[in-house]
Amino acid sequence: MFGLPAVTTAVLIGIPLFWVLYTIGFLVVSRNWAREDADTDAPGGPSAPAGPGTPAGPAGATGGDVR
């Protein structure tokens, strides 16, 4: 290409090509991250820990006063 050695041509084409493919791959993998974050950040979401003060169910389900 333009009289450049083959290695230089491969580097000039290969690095940008790799970068574009890497970026496309990242965008495909991360396209649902915002939705997953919204699900896990919601109260009672799948990753919400049940701490010692967290009732197991509705307030009446424990048979006592939950404070």
C-alpha atoms as a PDB file:
ATOM      1  CA  MET A   1       0.000   0.000   0.000  1.00  0.00           C
ATOM      2  CA  PHE A   2       1.560   3.279  -1.168  1.00  0.00           C
ATOM      3  CA  GLY A   3       4.965   1.601  -1.343  1.00  0.00           C
ATOM      4  CA  LEU A   4       5.042   0.709   2.371  1.00  0.00           C
ATOM      5  CA  PRO A   5       6.388  -2.636   3.618  1.00  0.00           C
ATOM      6  CA  ALA A   6       3.811  -5.384   4.172  1.00  0.00           C
ATOM      7  CA  VAL A   7       4.252  -5.331   7.963  1.00  0.00           C
ATOM      8  CA  THR A   8       3.530  -1.598   8.105  1.00  0.00           C
ATOM      9  CA  THR A   9       0.469  -2.067   5.918  1.00  0.00           C
ATOM     10  CA  ALA A  10      -0.753  -4.895   8.165  1.00  0.00           C
ATOM     11  CA  VAL A  11      -0.299  -2.737  11.279  1.00  0.00           C
ATOM     12  CA  LEU A  12      -2.037   0.267   9.709  1.00  0.00           C
ATOM     13  CA  ILE A  13      -5.015  -1.856   8.701  1.00  0.00           C
ATOM     14  CA  GLY A  14      -5.006  -4.449  11.500  1.00  0.00           C
ATOM     15  CA  ILE A  15      -5.028  -2.200  14.568  1.00  0.00           C
ATOM     16  CA  PRO A  16      -8.000  -0.036  13.475  1.00  0.00           C
ATOM     17  CA  LEU A  17      -9.841  -3.145  12.273  1.00  0.00           C
ATOM     18  CA  PHE A  18      -9.280  -4.847  15.641  1.00  0.00           C
ATOM     19  CA  TRP A  19     -10.436  -1.683  17.449  1.00  0.00           C
ATOM     20  CA  VAL A  20     -13.654  -1.473  15.424  1.00  0.00           C
ATOM     21  CA  LEU A  21     -14.448  -5.170  15.962  1.00  0.00           C
ATOM     22  CA  TYR A  22     -13.663  -4.888  19.682  1.00  0.00           C
ATOM     23  CA  THR A  23     -15.942  -1.849  20.020  1.00  0.00           C
ATOM     24  CA  ILE A  24     -18.791  -3.582  18.173  1.00  0.00           C
ATOM     25  CA  GLY A  25     -18.372  -6.625  20.405  1.00  0.00           C
ATOM     26  CA  PHE A  26     -18.442  -4.468  23.541  1.00  0.00           C
ATOM     27  CA  LEU A  27     -21.571  -2.665  22.390  1.00  0.00           C
ATOM     28  CA  VAL A  28     -23.330  -5.964  21.686  1.00  0.00           C
ATOM     29  CA  VAL A  29     -22.385  -7.430  25.070  1.00  0.00           C
ATOM     30  CA  SER A  30     -23.267  -4.307  27.065  1.00  0.00           C
ATOM     31  CA  ARG A  31     -26.498  -3.314  25.326  1.00  0.00           C
ATOM     32  CA  ASN A  32     -28.719  -4.453  28.238  1.00  0.00           C
ATOM     33  CA  TRP A  33     -26.589  -3.196  31.137  1.00  0.00           C
ATOM     34  CA  ALA A  34     -28.892  -0.260  31.939  1.00  0.00           C
ATOM     35  CA  ARG A  35     -31.908  -2.560  32.154  1.00  0.00           C
ATOM     36  CA  GLU A  36     -30.010  -5.052  34.325  1.00  0.00           C
ATOM     37  CA  ASP A  37     -28.857  -2.253  36.649  1.00  0.00           C
ATOM     38  CA  ALA A  38     -32.425  -0.974  36.958  1.00  0.00           C
ATOM     39  CA  ASP A  39     -33.620  -4.476  37.895  1.00  0.00           C
ATOM     40  CA  THR A  40     -30.971  -5.005  40.553  1.00  0.00           C
ATOM     41  CA  ASP A  41     -31.174  -1.486  42.026  1.00  0.00           C
ATOM     42  CA  ALA A  42     -34.938  -1.669  42.550  1.00  0.00           C
ATOM     43  CA  PRO A  43     -36.114  -2.371  46.098  1.00  0.00           C
ATOM     44  CA  GLY A  44     -36.585  -6.101  46.443  1.00  0.00           C
ATOM     45  CA  GLY A  45     -34.681  -6.743  43.230  1.00  0.00           C
ATOM     46  CA  PRO A  46     -32.821  -9.972  42.626  1.00  0.00           C
ATOM     47  CA  SER A  47     -29.653  -8.776  44.324  1.00  0.00           C
ATOM     48  CA  ALA A  48     -31.309  -7.050  47.303  1.00  0.00           C
ATOM     49  CA  PRO A  49     -29.809  -8.615  50.429  1.00  0.00           C
ATOM     50  CA  ALA A  50     -32.160  -9.795  53.146  1.00  0.00           C
ATOM     51  CA  GLY A  51     -30.499  -8.281  56.187  1.00  0.00           C
ATOM     52  CA  PRO A  52     -31.337  -8.974  59.827  1.00  0.00           C
ATOM     53  CA  GLY A  53     -33.962  -6.207  59.926  1.00  0.00           C
ATOM     54  CA  THR A  54     -35.641  -7.270  56.707  1.00  0.00           C
ATOM     55  CA  PRO A  55     -38.969  -9.049  57.246  1.00  0.00           C
ATOM     56  CA  ALA A  56     -39.429 -12.331  55.436  1.00  0.00           C
ATOM     57  CA  GLY A  57     -42.810 -11.327  54.044  1.00  0.00           C
ATOM     58  CA  PRO A  58     -45.672  -8.911  54.685  1.00  0.00           C
ATOM     59  CA  ALA A  59     -45.788  -7.373  58.155  1.00  0.00           C
ATOM     60  CA  GLY A  60     -48.692  -9.613  59.233  1.00  0.00           C
ATOM     61  CA  ALA A  61     -46.935 -12.783  58.078  1.00  0.00           C
ATOM     62  CA  THR A  62     -44.542 -12.860  61.037  1.00  0.00           C
ATOM     63  CA  GLY A  63     -47.346 -12.870  63.595  1.00  0.00           C
ATOM     64  CA  GLY A  64     -45.848  -9.954  65.475  1.00  0.00           C
ATOM     65  CA  ASP A  65     -44.975  -6.312  65.286  1.00  0.00           C
ATOM     66  CA  VAL A  66     -42.130  -5.773  62.824  1.00  0.00           C
ATOM     67  CA  ARG A  67     -40.069  -2.699  63.610  1.00  0.00           C
END
